[in-house]
């Protein structure tokens, strides 16, 4: 998908997350990468492309909903290397 739009994989995923109202914390110390991470609003993913991304391997979620105590407890347990 990135090639189709002239974007990196990271840019495609950042846009997909932003469109889902998920806060993205992209870490970089390189100014060019920081600029790239912000340059995601000049293309649009089709509904089919969004569905394809959503079907990617979901066995490990790097996205965590922090709005409940139970979810926060799960996150703290993951950080200790034990899954609940």
Protein backbone atom coordinates (compact mmCIF):
# COMPACT_ATOMS: atom_id res chain seq x y z
CA UNK A 1 0.00 0.00 0.00
CA UNK A 2 2.81 2.36 0.82
CA UNK A 3 4.26 2.01 -2.67
CA UNK A 4 0.88 2.83 -4.21
CA UNK A 5 0.78 6.15 -2.35
CA UNK A 6 4.51 6.85 -2.25
CA UNK A 7 4.49 6.44 1.53
CA UNK A 8 6.36 4.28 4.03
CA UNK A 9 4.77 1.41 5.91
CA UNK A 10 4.93 3.56 9.03
CA UNK A 11 3.03 6.38 7.33
CA UNK A 12 0.27 4.01 6.17
CA UNK A 13 -0.13 2.59 9.67
CA UNK A 14 -0.01 6.02 11.32
CA UNK A 15 -2.81 7.24 9.05
CA UNK A 16 -4.84 4.07 9.67
CA UNK A 17 -4.51 4.52 13.43
CA UNK A 18 -5.31 8.25 13.35
CA UNK A 19 -8.43 7.57 11.28
CA UNK A 20 -9.52 5.12 14.00
CA UNK A 21 -9.10 7.87 16.66
CA UNK A 22 -6.12 6.09 18.19
CA UNK A 23 -3.38 8.31 19.57
CA UNK A 24 -0.07 7.57 17.88
CA UNK A 25 3.20 8.02 19.74
CA UNK A 26 5.81 7.61 17.03
CA UNK A 27 9.32 7.73 18.46
CA UNK A 28 12.26 9.05 16.51
CA UNK A 29 15.30 11.19 17.12
CA UNK A 30 15.85 11.91 13.42
CA UNK A 31 14.27 15.16 12.16
CA UNK A 32 13.58 13.66 8.72
CA UNK A 33 11.71 10.72 10.27
CA UNK A 34 9.72 13.07 12.53
CA UNK A 35 8.67 15.06 9.48
CA UNK A 36 7.77 11.85 7.64
CA UNK A 37 5.61 10.69 10.56
CA UNK A 38 3.62 13.93 10.35
CA UNK A 39 3.24 13.79 6.57
CA UNK A 40 0.27 11.42 6.47
CA UNK A 41 -2.68 13.62 5.60
CA UNK A 42 -2.17 13.91 1.84
CA UNK A 43 -3.52 10.48 0.93
CA UNK A 44 -6.49 8.33 1.90
CA UNK A 45 -6.84 4.61 2.37
CA UNK A 46 -9.77 2.89 0.72
CA UNK A 47 -12.24 0.93 2.83
CA UNK A 48 -10.80 -2.26 1.30
CA UNK A 49 -7.26 -1.28 2.30
CA UNK A 50 -8.36 -0.45 5.83
CA UNK A 51 -10.04 -3.87 6.05
CA UNK A 52 -6.83 -5.55 4.83
CA UNK A 53 -4.78 -3.82 7.53
CA UNK A 54 -7.34 -4.81 10.16
CA UNK A 55 -6.94 -8.47 9.15
CA UNK A 56 -3.19 -8.51 9.81
CA UNK A 57 -1.88 -10.79 12.55
CA UNK A 58 -3.66 -9.81 15.73
CA UNK A 59 -2.14 -12.33 18.11
CA UNK A 60 -0.30 -9.59 19.97
CA UNK A 61 -1.87 -6.21 20.52
CA UNK A 62 0.52 -3.29 20.81
CA UNK A 63 -2.55 -1.09 21.13
CA UNK A 64 -4.04 -1.17 24.60
CA UNK A 65 -7.25 0.41 25.77
CA UNK A 66 -6.34 2.03 29.09
CA UNK A 67 -9.82 3.12 30.10
CA UNK A 68 -10.58 0.31 32.57
CA UNK A 69 -8.81 -0.88 35.69
CA UNK A 70 -8.76 -4.46 34.38
CA UNK A 71 -6.94 -3.38 31.23
CA UNK A 72 -4.40 -1.41 33.25
CA UNK A 73 -3.77 -4.47 35.42
CA UNK A 74 -3.18 -6.56 32.29
CA UNK A 75 -0.67 -4.03 30.97
CA UNK A 76 1.28 -3.99 34.23
CA UNK A 77 1.40 -7.80 34.21
CA UNK A 78 2.64 -7.82 30.57
CA UNK A 79 5.45 -5.48 31.55
CA UNK A 80 6.58 -8.05 34.10
CA UNK A 81 6.69 -10.73 31.39
CA UNK A 82 3.63 -12.69 32.49
CA UNK A 83 0.44 -12.82 30.47
CA UNK A 84 -2.98 -13.18 32.06
